[in-house]
């Protein structure tokens, strides 16, 4: 039988209910780098269900 580091799932439920967002595409990093330059116009053309709305929401939360 294996060992469980978090047997009651307390840390998982805390992470799910917190404001954690991991941008694996590095799009937010790129936008933050170019936002006040002449390259500030970007096209976020990803397929359906690839987090376009979530990315836009995170940008609004950052105040951009």
PDB file of N, CA and C in Angstrom:
ATOM      1  N   UNK A   1       0.841  -1.171   0.000  1.00  0.00           N
ATOM      2  CA  UNK A   1       0.000   0.000   0.000  1.00  0.00           C
ATOM      3  C   UNK A   1       0.888   1.235   0.000  1.00  0.00           C
ATOM      4  N   UNK A   2       0.510   2.239  -0.779  1.00  0.00           N
ATOM      5  CA  UNK A   2       1.303   3.455  -0.892  1.00  0.00           C
ATOM      6  C   UNK A   2       1.078   4.413   0.258  1.00  0.00           C
ATOM      7  N   UNK A   3       1.956   5.377   0.342  1.00  0.00           N
ATOM      8  CA  UNK A   3       1.831   6.419   1.360  1.00  0.00           C
ATOM      9  C   UNK A   3       1.184   7.644   0.733  1.00  0.00           C
ATOM     10  N   UNK A   4       0.272   8.213   1.440  1.00  0.00           N
ATOM     11  CA  UNK A   4      -0.404   9.414   0.968  1.00  0.00           C
ATOM     12  C   UNK A   4       0.105  10.609   1.755  1.00  0.00           C
ATOM     13  N   UNK A   5       0.608  11.600   1.040  1.00  0.00           N
ATOM     14  CA  UNK A   5       1.129  12.783   1.711  1.00  0.00           C
ATOM     15  C   UNK A   5       0.014  13.720   2.146  1.00  0.00           C
ATOM     16  N   UNK A   6      -1.121  13.623   1.490  1.00  0.00           N
ATOM     17  CA  UNK A   6      -2.249  14.499   1.787  1.00  0.00           C
ATOM     18  C   UNK A   6      -3.521  13.647   1.803  1.00  0.00           C
ATOM     19  N   UNK A   7      -3.705  12.829   2.856  1.00  0.00           N
ATOM     20  CA  UNK A   7      -4.800  11.863   2.831  1.00  0.00           C
ATOM     21  C   UNK A   7      -6.201  12.480   2.807  1.00  0.00           C
ATOM     22  N   UNK A   8      -6.375  13.664   3.357  1.00  0.00           N
ATOM     23  CA  UNK A   8      -7.723  14.246   3.386  1.00  0.00           C
ATOM     24  C   UNK A   8      -7.979  15.234   2.254  1.00  0.00           C
ATOM     25  N   UNK A   9      -7.041  15.391   1.321  1.00  0.00           N
ATOM     26  CA  UNK A   9      -7.160  16.291   0.174  1.00  0.00           C
ATOM     27  C   UNK A   9      -7.336  17.754   0.579  1.00  0.00           C
ATOM     28  N   UNK A  10      -6.911  18.120   1.767  1.00  0.00           N
ATOM     29  CA  UNK A  10      -7.040  19.497   2.232  1.00  0.00           C
ATOM     30  C   UNK A  10      -6.245  20.482   1.397  1.00  0.00           C
ATOM     31  N   UNK A  11      -5.012  20.137   1.040  1.00  0.00           N
ATOM     32  CA  UNK A  11      -4.183  21.037   0.236  1.00  0.00           C
ATOM     33  C   UNK A  11      -4.726  21.165  -1.181  1.00  0.00           C
ATOM     34  N   UNK A  12      -5.278  20.068  -1.715  1.00  0.00           N
ATOM     35  CA  UNK A  12      -5.840  20.127  -3.064  1.00  0.00           C
ATOM     36  C   UNK A  12      -7.058  21.037  -3.105  1.00  0.00           C
ATOM     37  N   UNK A  13      -7.956  20.877  -2.151  1.00  0.00           N
ATOM     38  CA  UNK A  13      -9.152  21.729  -2.154  1.00  0.00           C
ATOM     39  C   UNK A  13      -8.787  23.184  -1.888  1.00  0.00           C
ATOM     40  N   UNK A  14      -7.742  23.434  -1.113  1.00  0.00           N
ATOM     41  CA  UNK A  14      -7.290  24.805  -0.892  1.00  0.00           C
ATOM     42  C   UNK A  14      -6.739  25.404  -2.187  1.00  0.00           C
ATOM     43  N   UNK A  15      -5.973  24.621  -2.945  1.00  0.00           N
ATOM     44  CA  UNK A  15      -5.419  25.104  -4.213  1.00  0.00           C
ATOM     45  C   UNK A  15      -6.507  25.336  -5.243  1.00  0.00           C
ATOM     46  N   UNK A  16      -7.499  24.461  -5.295  1.00  0.00           N
ATOM     47  CA  UNK A  16      -8.589  24.604  -6.260  1.00  0.00           C
ATOM     48  C   UNK A  16      -9.400  25.860  -5.972  1.00  0.00           C
ATOM     49  N   UNK A  17      -9.582  26.187  -4.722  1.00  0.00           N
ATOM     50  CA  UNK A  17     -10.399  27.340  -4.353  1.00  0.00           C
ATOM     51  C   UNK A  17      -9.608  28.641  -4.259  1.00  0.00           C
ATOM     52  N   UNK A  18      -8.320  28.625  -4.533  1.00  0.00           N
ATOM     53  CA  UNK A  18      -7.513  29.838  -4.474  1.00  0.00           C
ATOM     54  C   UNK A  18      -7.393  30.445  -5.864  1.00  0.00           C
ATOM     55  N   UNK A  19      -6.692  31.553  -5.976  1.00  0.00           N
ATOM     56  CA  UNK A  19      -6.557  32.255  -7.241  1.00  0.00           C
ATOM     57  C   UNK A  19      -5.233  31.905  -7.931  1.00  0.00           C
ATOM     58  N   UNK A  20      -4.992  30.629  -8.132  1.00  0.00           N
ATOM     59  CA  UNK A  20      -3.785  30.158  -8.796  1.00  0.00           C
ATOM     60  C   UNK A  20      -4.067  30.032 -10.288  1.00  0.00           C
ATOM     61  N   UNK A  21      -3.175  30.557 -11.096  1.00  0.00           N
ATOM     62  CA  UNK A  21      -3.285  30.384 -12.543  1.00  0.00           C
ATOM     63  C   UNK A  21      -1.882  30.175 -13.090  1.00  0.00           C
ATOM     64  N   UNK A  22      -1.645  29.083 -13.779  1.00  0.00           N
ATOM     65  CA  UNK A  22      -0.343  28.786 -14.348  1.00  0.00           C
ATOM     66  C   UNK A  22      -0.446  28.929 -15.854  1.00  0.00           C
ATOM     67  N   UNK A  23       0.335  29.851 -16.407  1.00  0.00           N
ATOM     68  CA  UNK A  23       0.327  30.094 -17.840  1.00  0.00           C
ATOM     69  C   UNK A  23       1.451  29.308 -18.483  1.00  0.00           C
ATOM     70  N   UNK A  24       1.161  28.110 -18.963  1.00  0.00           N
ATOM     71  CA  UNK A  24       2.181  27.266 -19.577  1.00  0.00           C
ATOM     72  C   UNK A  24       2.580  27.765 -20.961  1.00  0.00           C
ATOM     73  N   UNK A  25       1.786  28.636 -21.545  1.00  0.00           N
ATOM     74  CA  UNK A  25       2.085  29.137 -22.882  1.00  0.00           C
ATOM     75  C   UNK A  25       3.035  30.322 -22.856  1.00  0.00           C
ATOM     76  N   UNK A  26       3.243  30.922 -21.688  1.00  0.00           N
ATOM     77  CA  UNK A  26       4.091  32.102 -21.496  1.00  0.00           C
ATOM     78  C   UNK A  26       3.535  33.324 -22.222  1.00  0.00           C
ATOM     79  N   UNK A  27       2.246  33.293 -22.563  1.00  0.00           N
ATOM     80  CA  UNK A  27       1.617  34.417 -23.240  1.00  0.00           C
ATOM     81  C   UNK A  27       1.563  35.648 -22.335  1.00  0.00           C
ATOM     82  N   UNK A  28       1.233  35.452 -21.061  1.00  0.00           N
ATOM     83  CA  UNK A  28       1.173  36.590 -20.137  1.00  0.00           C
ATOM     84  C   UNK A  28       2.544  37.233 -19.972  1.00  0.00           C
ATOM     85  N   UNK A  29       3.581  36.418 -19.909  1.00  0.00           N
ATOM     86  CA  UNK A  29       4.944  36.956 -19.805  1.00  0.00           C
ATOM     87  C   UNK A  29       5.279  37.807 -21.032  1.00  0.00           C
ATOM     88  N   UNK A  30       4.922  37.310 -22.206  1.00  0.00           N
ATOM     89  CA  UNK A  30       5.180  38.052 -23.449  1.00  0.00           C
ATOM     90  C   UNK A  30       4.400  39.365 -23.470  1.00  0.00           C
ATOM     91  N   UNK A  31       3.136  39.320 -23.093  1.00  0.00           N
ATOM     92  CA  UNK A  31       2.310  40.535 -23.104  1.00  0.00           C
ATOM     93  C   UNK A  31       2.854  41.564 -22.127  1.00  0.00           C
ATOM     94  N   UNK A  32       3.253  41.117 -20.948  1.00  0.00           N
ATOM     95  CA  UNK A  32       3.820  42.053 -19.970  1.00  0.00           C
ATOM     96  C   UNK A  32       5.106  42.699 -20.483  1.00  0.00           C
ATOM     97  N   UNK A  33       5.860  41.978 -21.292  1.00  0.00           N
ATOM     98  CA  UNK A  33       7.109  42.503 -21.823  1.00  0.00           C
ATOM     99  C   UNK A  33       6.875  43.536 -22.929  1.00  0.00           C
ATOM    100  N   UNK A  34       5.848  43.375 -23.748  1.00  0.00           N
ATOM    101  CA  UNK A  34       5.663  44.248 -24.914  1.00  0.00           C
ATOM    102  C   UNK A  34       4.516  45.242 -24.774  1.00  0.00           C
ATOM    103  N   UNK A  35       3.852  45.295 -23.629  1.00  0.00           N
ATOM    104  CA  UNK A  35       2.620  46.075 -23.509  1.00  0.00           C
ATOM    105  C   UNK A  35       2.826  47.571 -23.767  1.00  0.00           C
ATOM    106  N   UNK A  36       3.934  48.142 -23.410  1.00  0.00           N
ATOM    107  CA  UNK A  36       4.160  49.577 -23.605  1.00  0.00           C
ATOM    108  C   UNK A  36       5.150  49.873 -24.725  1.00  0.00           C
ATOM    109  N   UNK A  37       5.187  49.006 -25.726  1.00  0.00           N
ATOM    110  CA  UNK A  37       6.081  49.197 -26.859  1.00  0.00           C
ATOM    111  C   UNK A  37       5.250  49.303 -28.137  1.00  0.00           C
ATOM    112  N   UNK A  38       5.925  49.456 -29.259  1.00  0.00           N
ATOM    113  CA  UNK A  38       5.202  49.506 -30.535  1.00  0.00           C
ATOM    114  C   UNK A  38       4.671  48.133 -30.940  1.00  0.00           C
ATOM    115  N   UNK A  39       5.123  47.079 -30.272  1.00  0.00           N
ATOM    116  CA  UNK A  39       4.645  45.715 -30.561  1.00  0.00           C
ATOM    117  C   UNK A  39       3.485  45.308 -29.669  1.00  0.00           C
ATOM    118  N   UNK A  40       2.752  46.271 -29.112  1.00  0.00           N
ATOM    119  CA  UNK A  40       1.720  45.961 -28.126  1.00  0.00           C
ATOM    120  C   UNK A  40       0.467  45.320 -28.718  1.00  0.00           C
ATOM    121  N   UNK A  41       0.320  45.315 -30.024  1.00  0.00           N
ATOM    122  CA  UNK A  41      -0.848  44.697 -30.644  1.00  0.00           C
ATOM    123  C   UNK A  41      -0.538  43.236 -30.963  1.00  0.00           C
ATOM    124  N   UNK A  42      -1.264  42.336 -30.336  1.00  0.00           N
ATOM    125  CA  UNK A  42      -1.037  40.911 -30.557  1.00  0.00           C
ATOM    126  C   UNK A  42      -2.344  40.259 -30.977  1.00  0.00           C
ATOM    127  N   UNK A  43      -2.231  39.103 -31.559  1.00  0.00           N
ATOM    128  CA  UNK A  43      -3.396  38.308 -31.950  1.00  0.00           C
ATOM    129  C   UNK A  43      -3.348  36.995 -31.182  1.00  0.00           C
ATOM    130  N   UNK A  44      -4.320  36.776 -30.343  1.00  0.00           N
ATOM    131  CA  UNK A  44      -4.393  35.559 -29.548  1.00  0.00           C
ATOM    132  C   UNK A  44      -5.313  34.579 -30.276  1.00  0.00           C
ATOM    133  N   UNK A  45      -4.780  33.873 -31.230  1.00  0.00           N
ATOM    134  CA  UNK A  45      -5.595  32.966 -32.055  1.00  0.00           C
ATOM    135  C   UNK A  45      -5.295  31.523 -31.682  1.00  0.00           C
ATOM    136  N   UNK A  46      -5.969  31.041 -30.683  1.00  0.00           N
ATOM    137  CA  UNK A  46      -5.831  29.657 -30.267  1.00  0.00           C
ATOM    138  C   UNK A  46      -7.123  28.910 -30.602  1.00  0.00           C
ATOM    139  N   UNK A  47      -7.068  27.593 -30.694  1.00  0.00           N
ATOM    140  CA  UNK A  47      -8.291  26.817 -30.966  1.00  0.00           C
ATOM    141  C   UNK A  47      -9.305  26.932 -29.830  1.00  0.00           C
ATOM    142  N   UNK A  48     -10.470  26.415 -30.064  1.00  0.00           N
ATOM    143  CA  UNK A  48     -11.506  26.391 -29.039  1.00  0.00           C
ATOM    144  C   UNK A  48     -11.010  25.691 -27.785  1.00  0.00           C
ATOM    145  N   UNK A  49     -11.479  26.169 -26.645  1.00  0.00           N
ATOM    146  CA  UNK A  49     -11.209  25.559 -25.340  1.00  0.00           C
ATOM    147  C   UNK A  49      -9.731  25.592 -24.954  1.00  0.00           C
ATOM    148  N   UNK A  50      -8.987  26.583 -25.396  1.00  0.00           N
ATOM    149  CA  UNK A  50      -7.567  26.687 -25.075  1.00  0.00           C
ATOM    150  C   UNK A  50      -7.269  27.858 -24.146  1.00  0.00           C
ATOM    151  N   UNK A  51      -8.246  28.391 -23.450  1.00  0.00           N
ATOM    152  CA  UNK A  51      -8.000  29.365 -22.407  1.00  0.00           C
ATOM    153  C   UNK A  51      -7.875  30.807 -22.840  1.00  0.00           C
ATOM    154  N   UNK A  52      -8.480  31.180 -23.951  1.00  0.00           N
ATOM    155  CA  UNK A  52      -8.393  32.584 -24.392  1.00  0.00           C
ATOM    156  C   UNK A  52      -9.109  33.500 -23.406  1.00  0.00           C
ATOM    157  N   UNK A  53     -10.277  33.098 -22.963  1.00  0.00           N
ATOM    158  CA  UNK A  53     -11.032  33.922 -22.014  1.00  0.00           C
ATOM    159  C   UNK A  53     -10.330  34.003 -20.664  1.00  0.00           C
ATOM    160  N   UNK A  54      -9.738  32.896 -20.217  1.00  0.00           N
ATOM    161  CA  UNK A  54      -9.010  32.896 -18.946  1.00  0.00           C
ATOM    162  C   UNK A  54      -7.802  33.813 -19.026  1.00  0.00           C
ATOM    163  N   UNK A  55      -7.115  33.815 -20.152  1.00  0.00           N
ATOM    164  CA  UNK A  55      -5.961  34.696 -20.331  1.00  0.00           C
ATOM    165  C   UNK A  55      -6.394  36.150 -20.294  1.00  0.00           C
ATOM    166  N   UNK A  56      -7.481  36.465 -20.970  1.00  0.00           N
ATOM    167  CA  UNK A  56      -7.990  37.838 -20.963  1.00  0.00           C
ATOM    168  C   UNK A  56      -8.415  38.242 -19.556  1.00  0.00           C
ATOM    169  N   UNK A  57      -9.029  37.357 -18.823  1.00  0.00           N
ATOM    170  CA  UNK A  57      -9.439  37.635 -17.454  1.00  0.00           C
ATOM    171  C   UNK A  57      -8.233  37.934 -16.568  1.00  0.00           C
ATOM    172  N   UNK A  58      -7.156  37.143 -16.708  1.00  0.00           N
ATOM    173  CA  UNK A  58      -5.943  37.375 -15.911  1.00  0.00           C
ATOM    174  C   UNK A  58      -5.308  38.724 -16.260  1.00  0.00           C
ATOM    175  N   UNK A  59      -5.350  39.106 -17.530  1.00  0.00           N
ATOM    176  CA  UNK A  59      -4.821  40.413 -17.907  1.00  0.00           C
ATOM    177  C   UNK A  59      -5.626  41.528 -17.262  1.00  0.00           C
ATOM    178  N   UNK A  60      -6.939  41.371 -17.203  1.00  0.00           N
ATOM    179  CA  UNK A  60      -7.771  42.381 -16.550  1.00  0.00           C
ATOM    180  C   UNK A  60      -7.476  42.451 -15.059  1.00  0.00           C
ATOM    181  N   UNK A  61      -7.215  41.310 -14.438  1.00  0.00           N
ATOM    182  CA  UNK A  61      -6.882  41.299 -13.020  1.00  0.00           C
ATOM    183  C   UNK A  61      -5.553  41.964 -12.745  1.00  0.00           C
ATOM    184  N   UNK A  62      -4.617  41.892 -13.691  1.00  0.00           N
ATOM    185  CA  UNK A  62      -3.319  42.529 -13.526  1.00  0.00           C
ATOM    186  C   UNK A  62      -3.391  44.030 -13.788  1.00  0.00           C
ATOM    187  N   UNK A  63      -4.512  44.478 -14.299  1.00  0.00           N
ATOM    188  CA  UNK A  63      -4.669  45.902 -14.562  1.00  0.00           C
ATOM    189  C   UNK A  63      -4.150  46.347 -15.897  1.00  0.00           C
ATOM    190  N   UNK A  64      -4.018  45.431 -16.846  1.00  0.00           N
ATOM    191  CA  UNK A  64      -3.532  45.777 -18.188  1.00  0.00           C
ATOM    192  C   UNK A  64      -4.681  46.040 -19.109  1.00  0.00           C
TER     193      UNK A  64
END
